[in-house]
């Protein structure tokens, strides 16, 4: 098996396959692992799998364990609703809720992959062509000074939102650029006044924006993401917005444009948000992309090829489940692959059957949350009333967190 992409999904797939005694070749176009992105939330549906993979000791070195989720209106300083995490979630779901820097999770996954020793990792290697031969796949892999032809039983596209494998084999599945622009920042908690230091996930919801903040790196740093609906600027179209669409981790936003975005988003915001905004020295931005919810197993697996993680089901981050779904996919793929009585296409089909409905549900829920989080007027009033009356029931989702992958 060849796995294309050594991000969260590809590393997870290599680990899950390796623990089943299966060998794989993992190829990654980057020459080295670099610190991309910022924070990630991992619910019990993901951490119970990571625990099963023997990774909890490593994760606990880097992760934070937030005590609760608190949801606010952007103009109020008291929470509309909250959900206890910590020991309550561990007891309820048998696994913890963690928040972690993306680079720390990636490093832990890479360390575990290498310790298992069943996966060959090739960096600086790009998939340039693929063919389904009927009894396997033939791949053309390009490195800096060479090209190689590789035959394998299967190819797993775990190459992210802008998946090359999806474009080559599933060209009808389109990626959509959204009006959502995510600004992210991290700040050391010891630089903040005591009243701002926290060990919880806080969400502030306002018209056409919401702001999320939570601890990472053992609670020593605060991760902040401001998601703002920012119309496309015809005078500033990044390369990522030209066909074929391609998501980048950093979009250049002119200073005055960024100021305009934040002036609109934080107009009327409570004092804590405004003061915390002033404390941040640097913001980076990236445009959010998604795709229509998966419509059937054939959209995740076909013949000797399959998609995994963001390559299979790009989704908005309004349910904080991008990494979680990649980890679940990897576990399901390894389980399906470990059925030698089935042909390779049947194994991959079983994987698609197992995963497509759940991924589609998460994609749909994330899109719905985007409308709810950024609501104004009557819809915002109904949202706030619902959170006050049924906050814990709305925030706790057994269908999501209780999944036994």
Protein backbone atom coordinates (compact mmCIF):
# COMPACT_ATOMS: atom_id res chain seq x y z
CA UNK A 1 0.00 0.00 0.00
CA UNK A 2 1.13 3.53 -0.79
CA UNK A 3 -0.19 6.46 1.26
CA UNK A 4 0.09 9.90 -0.34
CA UNK A 5 0.48 12.72 2.19
CA UNK A 6 2.14 12.69 5.61
CA UNK A 7 -0.17 15.09 7.40
CA UNK A 8 -2.49 14.09 10.24
CA UNK A 9 -4.37 11.59 8.07
CA UNK A 10 -1.37 9.97 6.40
CA UNK A 11 0.63 9.57 9.62
CA UNK A 12 -2.46 8.18 11.35
CA UNK A 13 -3.03 5.71 8.53
CA UNK A 14 0.58 4.53 8.73
CA UNK A 15 0.27 4.02 12.49
CA UNK A 16 -3.04 2.17 12.28
CA UNK A 17 -1.78 -0.07 9.47
CA UNK A 18 1.51 -0.71 11.25
CA UNK A 19 -0.21 -1.78 14.45
CA UNK A 20 -2.13 -4.32 12.34
CA UNK A 21 1.18 -5.70 11.07
CA UNK A 22 0.75 -4.13 7.62
CA UNK A 23 3.57 -2.44 5.73
CA UNK A 24 3.11 0.79 3.79
CA UNK A 25 5.03 3.39 1.81
CA UNK A 26 4.20 6.94 2.93
CA UNK A 27 5.19 9.70 0.50
CA UNK A 28 5.18 13.42 1.27
CA UNK A 29 5.96 16.28 -1.13
CA UNK A 30 7.50 18.47 1.56
CA UNK A 31 11.23 18.03 2.18
CA UNK A 32 10.79 18.35 5.94
CA UNK A 33 8.10 18.65 8.57
CA UNK A 34 7.53 22.28 9.45
CA UNK A 35 5.41 23.95 12.11
CA UNK A 36 2.18 24.74 10.27
CA UNK A 37 -1.19 25.80 11.63
CA UNK A 38 -1.98 26.35 15.26
CA UNK A 39 -4.28 24.61 17.74
CA UNK A 40 -6.37 21.46 17.34
CA UNK A 41 -9.19 20.19 19.52
CA UNK A 42 -9.36 16.42 20.03
CA UNK A 43 -12.61 15.02 21.39
CA UNK A 44 -12.94 11.60 23.05
CA UNK A 45 -13.86 10.02 19.70
CA UNK A 46 -10.28 10.75 18.58
CA UNK A 47 -8.35 10.43 21.84
CA UNK A 48 -9.72 6.95 22.58
CA UNK A 49 -8.14 5.81 19.29
CA UNK A 50 -4.87 7.61 20.04
CA UNK A 51 -4.88 5.97 23.46
CA UNK A 52 -5.39 2.59 21.78
CA UNK A 53 -2.39 3.38 19.56
CA UNK A 54 -0.22 3.84 22.66
CA UNK A 55 0.17 7.60 22.25
CA UNK A 56 -1.37 9.07 25.36
CA UNK A 57 1.86 9.46 27.32
CA UNK A 58 3.42 11.42 24.47
CA UNK A 59 0.32 13.56 23.96
CA UNK A 60 0.00 14.45 27.62
CA UNK A 61 3.50 15.92 27.51
CA UNK A 62 2.30 18.57 25.05
CA UNK A 63 -1.48 18.83 25.26
CA UNK A 64 -3.75 20.80 27.57
CA UNK A 65 -6.83 19.36 29.26
CA UNK A 66 -9.43 22.14 29.23
CA UNK A 67 -11.88 22.09 32.11
CA UNK A 68 -14.95 23.19 30.17
CA UNK A 69 -16.41 24.73 27.04
CA UNK A 70 -17.90 28.21 27.57
CA UNK A 71 -20.05 29.91 24.94
CA UNK A 72 -20.54 33.71 24.93
CA UNK A 73 -22.17 36.36 22.84
CA UNK A 74 -19.43 38.57 21.50
CA UNK A 75 -20.84 41.61 23.36
CA UNK A 76 -21.42 39.99 26.77
CA UNK A 77 -18.93 39.01 29.47
CA UNK A 78 -21.00 36.19 30.98
CA UNK A 79 -21.43 32.78 29.36
CA UNK A 80 -24.70 31.75 27.73
CA UNK A 81 -23.87 28.08 28.32
CA UNK A 82 -21.09 25.77 29.36
CA UNK A 83 -20.19 22.10 29.23
CA UNK A 84 -17.91 20.45 31.76
CA UNK A 85 -15.01 18.57 30.18
CA UNK A 86 -12.11 17.29 32.30
CA UNK A 87 -12.92 14.40 34.60
CA UNK A 88 -16.61 14.56 33.60
CA UNK A 89 -15.86 13.83 29.96
CA UNK A 90 -13.28 11.17 30.81
CA UNK A 91 -15.87 9.41 32.96
CA UNK A 92 -18.71 9.84 30.45
CA UNK A 93 -16.83 8.81 27.31
CA UNK A 94 -13.84 6.84 28.58
CA UNK A 95 -11.32 9.20 26.99
CA UNK A 96 -10.19 12.80 27.56
CA UNK A 97 -10.85 16.03 25.66
CA UNK A 98 -7.49 17.54 24.69
CA UNK A 99 -6.28 20.70 22.99
CA UNK A 100 -2.87 20.64 21.32
CA UNK A 101 -0.71 22.53 18.87
CA UNK A 102 -0.84 20.97 15.40
CA UNK A 103 2.96 20.68 15.28
CA UNK A 104 3.02 18.82 18.62
CA UNK A 105 0.38 16.36 17.44
CA UNK A 106 2.26 15.85 14.18
CA UNK A 107 5.51 15.22 16.07
CA UNK A 108 3.82 12.68 18.35
CA UNK A 109 2.28 10.86 15.38
CA UNK A 110 5.62 10.80 13.56
CA UNK A 111 7.40 9.46 16.64
CA UNK A 112 4.84 6.66 17.02
CA UNK A 113 5.00 5.80 13.31
CA UNK A 114 8.77 5.45 13.43
CA UNK A 115 8.65 3.42 16.65
CA UNK A 116 6.29 0.88 15.04
CA UNK A 117 8.68 0.58 12.11
CA UNK A 118 6.31 -0.85 9.50
CA UNK A 119 6.09 2.25 7.29
CA UNK A 120 8.72 3.63 4.94
CA UNK A 121 8.56 7.43 4.85
CA UNK A 122 9.85 9.30 1.78
CA UNK A 123 9.97 13.08 2.04
CA UNK A 124 10.40 15.36 -0.95
CA UNK A 125 8.43 12.93 -3.12
CA UNK A 126 5.51 14.01 -5.32
CA UNK A 127 2.83 11.86 -6.92
CA UNK A 128 2.75 12.93 -10.59
CA UNK A 129 0.67 10.20 -12.21
CA UNK A 130 -1.45 7.21 -11.25
CA UNK A 131 -3.10 4.36 -13.11
CA UNK A 132 -5.55 1.77 -11.81
CA UNK A 133 -4.35 -1.45 -13.46
CA UNK A 134 -7.28 -3.58 -12.36
CA UNK A 135 -5.10 -5.70 -10.09
CA UNK A 136 -3.36 -2.80 -8.38
CA UNK A 137 -2.07 0.69 -9.06
CA UNK A 138 0.97 2.04 -10.85
CA UNK A 139 2.35 5.33 -9.60
CA UNK A 140 4.90 7.76 -10.91
CA UNK A 141 6.77 9.40 -8.03
CA UNK A 142 9.00 12.39 -8.56
CA UNK A 143 11.84 13.30 -6.22
CA UNK A 144 14.35 16.13 -6.53
CA UNK A 145 16.64 14.42 -9.04
CA UNK A 146 14.80 11.25 -10.00
CA UNK A 147 11.53 9.67 -11.06
CA UNK A 148 10.41 6.20 -10.01
CA UNK A 149 7.58 3.88 -11.02
CA UNK A 150 5.94 2.00 -8.16
CA UNK A 151 3.31 -0.74 -8.28
CA UNK A 152 1.18 -1.31 -5.22
CA UNK A 153 -1.99 -3.09 -4.14
CA UNK A 154 -3.65 0.23 -3.31
CA UNK A 155 -3.17 3.98 -3.12
CA UNK A 156 -4.61 5.96 -0.21
CA UNK A 157 -4.97 9.68 -0.87
CA UNK A 158 -4.35 11.40 2.46
CA UNK A 159 -2.97 14.50 0.82
CA UNK A 160 -5.22 17.10 2.37
CA UNK A 161 -7.93 19.53 1.33
CA UNK A 162 -6.29 20.21 -2.04
CA UNK A 163 -5.76 16.48 -2.72
CA UNK A 164 -3.95 15.61 -5.94
CA UNK A 165 -5.30 12.05 -5.71
CA UNK A 166 -8.88 13.35 -5.58
CA UNK A 167 -8.27 15.59 -8.59
CA UNK A 168 -6.78 12.75 -10.63
CA UNK A 169 -9.30 10.02 -9.79
CA UNK A 170 -12.41 11.85 -8.57
CA UNK A 171 -12.41 14.98 -10.79
CA UNK A 172 -16.16 15.57 -10.30
CA UNK A 173 -15.70 16.15 -6.55
CA UNK A 174 -15.13 19.89 -6.30
CA UNK A 175 -13.55 22.00 -3.60
CA UNK A 176 -15.36 25.21 -2.64
CA UNK A 177 -13.74 28.44 -1.47
CA UNK A 178 -15.89 30.00 1.27
CA UNK A 179 -16.21 33.61 2.45
CA UNK A 180 -14.71 32.54 5.78
CA UNK A 181 -11.27 33.89 6.56
CA UNK A 182 -9.57 32.49 9.65
CA UNK A 183 -7.08 34.65 11.54
CA UNK A 184 -4.97 32.73 14.01
CA UNK A 185 -2.50 33.67 16.71
CA UNK A 186 -0.83 32.24 19.79
CA UNK A 187 0.26 34.11 22.89
CA UNK A 188 2.08 33.01 26.04
CA UNK A 189 -0.32 32.97 28.98
CA UNK A 190 2.31 34.35 31.34
CA UNK A 191 2.22 37.56 29.27
CA UNK A 192 -1.47 38.02 30.01
CA UNK A 193 -3.12 39.50 33.08
CA UNK A 194 -4.27 36.83 35.52
CA UNK A 195 -7.93 37.45 34.71
CA UNK A 196 -7.35 36.46 31.07
CA UNK A 197 -5.41 33.26 31.74
CA UNK A 198 -7.60 30.25 31.28
CA UNK A 199 -7.94 26.51 31.04
CA UNK A 200 -11.13 26.31 29.04
CA UNK A 201 -12.39 26.46 25.47
CA UNK A 202 -14.15 29.80 25.01
CA UNK A 203 -16.31 30.60 22.01
CA UNK A 204 -17.58 34.15 21.31
CA UNK A 205 -20.31 34.38 18.64
CA UNK A 206 -21.26 37.54 16.76
CA UNK A 207 -22.71 38.65 13.44
CA UNK A 208 -20.67 37.13 10.61
CA UNK A 209 -17.86 36.12 12.97
CA UNK A 210 -16.86 34.03 15.92
CA UNK A 211 -13.75 33.88 18.07
CA UNK A 212 -12.35 30.71 19.69
CA UNK A 213 -9.59 30.54 22.27
CA UNK A 214 -8.16 27.63 24.25
CA UNK A 215 -4.91 26.52 25.93
CA UNK A 216 -2.19 24.53 24.15
CA UNK A 217 1.33 23.38 24.99
CA UNK A 218 0.54 22.11 28.48
CA UNK A 219 -1.61 25.19 29.07
CA UNK A 220 1.32 27.60 28.79
CA UNK A 221 0.09 29.16 25.54
CA UNK A 222 -3.29 30.41 24.39
CA UNK A 223 -4.44 29.56 20.87
CA UNK A 224 -6.78 32.12 19.26
CA UNK A 225 -8.74 31.82 16.04
CA UNK A 226 -11.02 34.58 14.76
CA UNK A 227 -13.23 33.35 11.90
CA UNK A 228 -14.54 36.29 9.94
CA UNK A 229 -16.80 36.38 6.89
CA UNK A 230 -14.68 38.47 4.58
CA UNK A 231 -15.89 38.94 0.99
CA UNK A 232 -13.35 38.17 -1.70
CA UNK A 233 -11.36 41.23 -2.72
CA UNK A 234 -11.26 41.40 -6.55
CA UNK A 235 -8.01 43.34 -6.30
CA UNK A 236 -6.44 40.71 -4.07
CA UNK A 237 -7.09 37.17 -5.23
CA UNK A 238 -4.54 34.77 -3.83
CA UNK A 239 -3.23 31.94 -5.97
CA UNK A 240 -5.30 29.59 -3.83
CA UNK A 241 -8.51 31.07 -5.26
CA UNK A 242 -7.64 30.36 -8.88
CA UNK A 243 -8.74 27.10 -10.50
CA UNK A 244 -7.82 24.47 -9.59
CA UNK A 245 -8.49 25.61 -6.04
CA UNK A 246 -5.66 25.12 -3.60
CA UNK A 247 -5.68 25.85 0.11
CA UNK A 248 -2.63 27.51 1.58
CA UNK A 249 -1.72 27.84 5.24
CA UNK A 250 -1.02 31.52 4.88
CA UNK A 251 -2.87 34.14 2.87
CA UNK A 252 -1.33 37.56 2.49
CA UNK A 253 -3.88 40.12 3.68
CA UNK A 254 -2.83 43.78 3.40
CA UNK A 255 -2.63 45.53 6.76
CA UNK A 256 -5.45 47.98 6.04
CA UNK A 257 -7.66 45.16 4.81
CA UNK A 258 -6.97 43.17 7.99
CA UNK A 259 -7.79 46.19 10.13
CA UNK A 260 -11.05 46.58 8.23
CA UNK A 261 -11.94 42.93 8.88
CA UNK A 262 -11.32 43.21 12.61
CA UNK A 263 -13.03 46.61 12.95
CA UNK A 264 -16.19 45.09 11.54
CA UNK A 265 -15.95 41.81 13.42
CA UNK A 266 -15.20 43.31 16.84
CA UNK A 267 -17.59 46.26 16.65
CA UNK A 268 -19.50 46.21 19.95
CA UNK A 269 -17.40 43.35 21.35
CA UNK A 270 -16.92 42.94 25.08
CA UNK A 271 -13.89 44.42 26.80
CA UNK A 272 -12.05 41.10 27.16
CA UNK A 273 -12.06 40.44 23.43
CA UNK A 274 -10.94 43.95 22.60
CA UNK A 275 -8.14 43.91 25.15
CA UNK A 276 -6.99 40.44 24.10
CA UNK A 277 -7.01 41.54 20.46
CA UNK A 278 -4.74 44.44 21.40
CA UNK A 279 -2.36 42.03 23.17
CA UNK A 280 -1.77 39.91 20.05
CA UNK A 281 1.35 41.00 18.18
CA UNK A 282 0.91 39.04 14.94
CA UNK A 283 -1.91 37.34 13.06
CA UNK A 284 -1.70 34.90 10.19
CA UNK A 285 -4.65 34.20 7.91
CA UNK A 286 -5.96 31.39 5.77
CA UNK A 287 -9.03 31.02 3.59
CA UNK A 288 -11.41 28.20 4.54
CA UNK A 289 -12.43 25.63 1.96
CA UNK A 290 -14.93 22.80 2.13
CA UNK A 291 -16.79 20.38 -0.11
CA UNK A 292 -20.34 19.09 -0.33
CA UNK A 293 -21.02 16.26 2.13
CA UNK A 294 -19.91 12.81 0.97
CA UNK A 295 -22.76 11.23 -0.99
CA UNK A 296 -21.80 7.56 -0.96
CA UNK A 297 -19.00 5.04 -0.34
CA UNK A 298 -17.78 5.37 -3.94
CA UNK A 299 -16.78 8.95 -3.14
CA UNK A 300 -14.27 7.61 -0.61
CA UNK A 301 -13.16 4.34 -2.22
CA UNK A 302 -13.18 3.09 -5.80
CA UNK A 303 -11.26 0.12 -7.13
CA UNK A 304 -7.75 0.14 -5.74
CA UNK A 305 -7.87 3.77 -4.57
CA UNK A 306 -9.32 5.43 -1.49
CA UNK A 307 -9.39 8.88 0.09
CA UNK A 308 -8.85 9.61 3.76
CA UNK A 309 -9.20 12.65 6.01
CA UNK A 310 -9.43 16.10 4.46
CA UNK A 311 -8.77 14.63 1.02
CA UNK A 312 -12.03 12.68 1.30
CA UNK A 313 -14.25 15.15 3.12
CA UNK A 314 -13.00 18.74 3.35
CA UNK A 315 -15.01 20.42 6.09
CA UNK A 316 -15.36 23.72 7.87
CA UNK A 317 -13.87 23.86 11.40
CA UNK A 318 -17.18 24.76 13.10
CA UNK A 319 -17.34 21.37 14.82
CA UNK A 320 -13.57 21.08 15.51
CA UNK A 321 -13.46 17.61 13.95
CA UNK A 322 -11.06 17.78 11.01
CA UNK A 323 -8.26 15.91 12.80
CA UNK A 324 -10.76 13.68 14.62
CA UNK A 325 -12.31 12.41 11.39
CA UNK A 326 -8.85 11.72 9.91
CA UNK A 327 -7.94 9.61 12.94
CA UNK A 328 -11.26 7.75 12.79
CA UNK A 329 -10.77 7.16 9.04
CA UNK A 330 -7.31 5.71 9.63
CA UNK A 331 -8.56 3.25 12.23
CA UNK A 332 -11.44 2.16 9.98
CA UNK A 333 -9.10 1.74 6.99
CA UNK A 334 -6.73 -0.51 8.95
CA UNK A 335 -9.65 -2.58 10.23
CA UNK A 336 -11.04 -3.06 6.71
CA UNK A 337 -7.60 -3.79 5.24
CA UNK A 338 -6.99 -6.56 7.77
CA UNK A 339 -9.49 -8.86 6.07
CA UNK A 340 -7.33 -11.03 3.79
CA UNK A 341 -10.29 -13.09 2.62
CA UNK A 342 -11.55 -10.03 0.73
CA UNK A 343 -10.10 -8.60 -2.46
CA UNK A 344 -8.43 -5.20 -2.24
CA UNK A 345 -11.38 -3.38 -3.88
CA UNK A 346 -13.78 -5.09 -1.48
CA UNK A 347 -11.67 -4.09 1.52
CA UNK A 348 -11.59 -0.47 0.40
CA UNK A 349 -15.31 -0.59 -0.35
CA UNK A 350 -15.91 -1.84 3.21
CA UNK A 351 -13.90 1.12 4.48
CA UNK A 352 -16.00 3.54 2.41
CA UNK A 353 -19.23 1.94 3.60
CA UNK A 354 -18.09 2.24 7.20
CA UNK A 355 -17.15 5.89 6.99
CA UNK A 356 -19.11 7.88 4.43
CA UNK A 357 -22.34 8.48 6.39
CA UNK A 358 -20.54 9.62 9.53
CA UNK A 359 -18.24 11.96 7.64
CA UNK A 360 -21.20 13.39 5.71
CA UNK A 361 -23.03 14.03 8.99
CA UNK A 362 -20.05 15.87 10.45
CA UNK A 363 -19.63 17.94 7.27
CA UNK A 364 -23.31 18.89 7.31
CA UNK A 365 -23.27 19.75 11.01
CA UNK A 366 -20.17 21.92 10.55
CA UNK A 367 -21.91 23.86 7.75
CA UNK A 368 -25.02 24.30 9.89
CA UNK A 369 -22.91 25.55 12.79
CA UNK A 370 -21.35 28.16 10.50
CA UNK A 371 -24.80 29.68 9.97
CA UNK A 372 -25.72 29.43 13.65
CA UNK A 373 -22.44 30.77 15.05
CA UNK A 374 -22.45 33.78 12.72
CA UNK A 375 -26.17 34.53 12.95
CA UNK A 376 -27.69 37.94 13.54
CA UNK A 377 -31.19 39.24 14.21
CA UNK A 378 -33.97 36.78 15.02
CA UNK A 379 -31.85 33.68 14.39
CA UNK A 380 -29.19 34.91 16.80
CA UNK A 381 -31.87 35.58 19.42
CA UNK A 382 -33.24 32.04 19.05
CA UNK A 383 -29.71 30.64 19.27
CA UNK A 384 -28.98 32.54 22.46
CA UNK A 385 -32.30 31.53 24.04
CA UNK A 386 -31.65 27.88 23.19
CA UNK A 387 -28.16 28.00 24.71
CA UNK A 388 -29.49 29.55 27.92
CA UNK A 389 -32.26 26.96 28.24
CA UNK A 390 -30.54 23.79 27.00
CA UNK A 391 -26.87 24.68 26.87
CA UNK A 392 -25.30 21.44 28.09
CA UNK A 393 -27.60 19.26 25.98
CA UNK A 394 -26.78 21.29 22.88
CA UNK A 395 -23.02 21.29 23.49
CA UNK A 396 -22.67 17.64 24.48
CA UNK A 397 -23.07 15.37 21.43
CA UNK A 398 -23.00 11.66 22.30
CA UNK A 399 -23.39 10.72 18.63
CA UNK A 400 -20.07 12.48 17.99
CA UNK A 401 -17.98 11.93 21.10
CA UNK A 402 -19.25 8.44 21.91
CA UNK A 403 -18.30 6.92 18.56
CA UNK A 404 -16.42 3.65 19.01
CA UNK A 405 -13.99 3.55 16.10
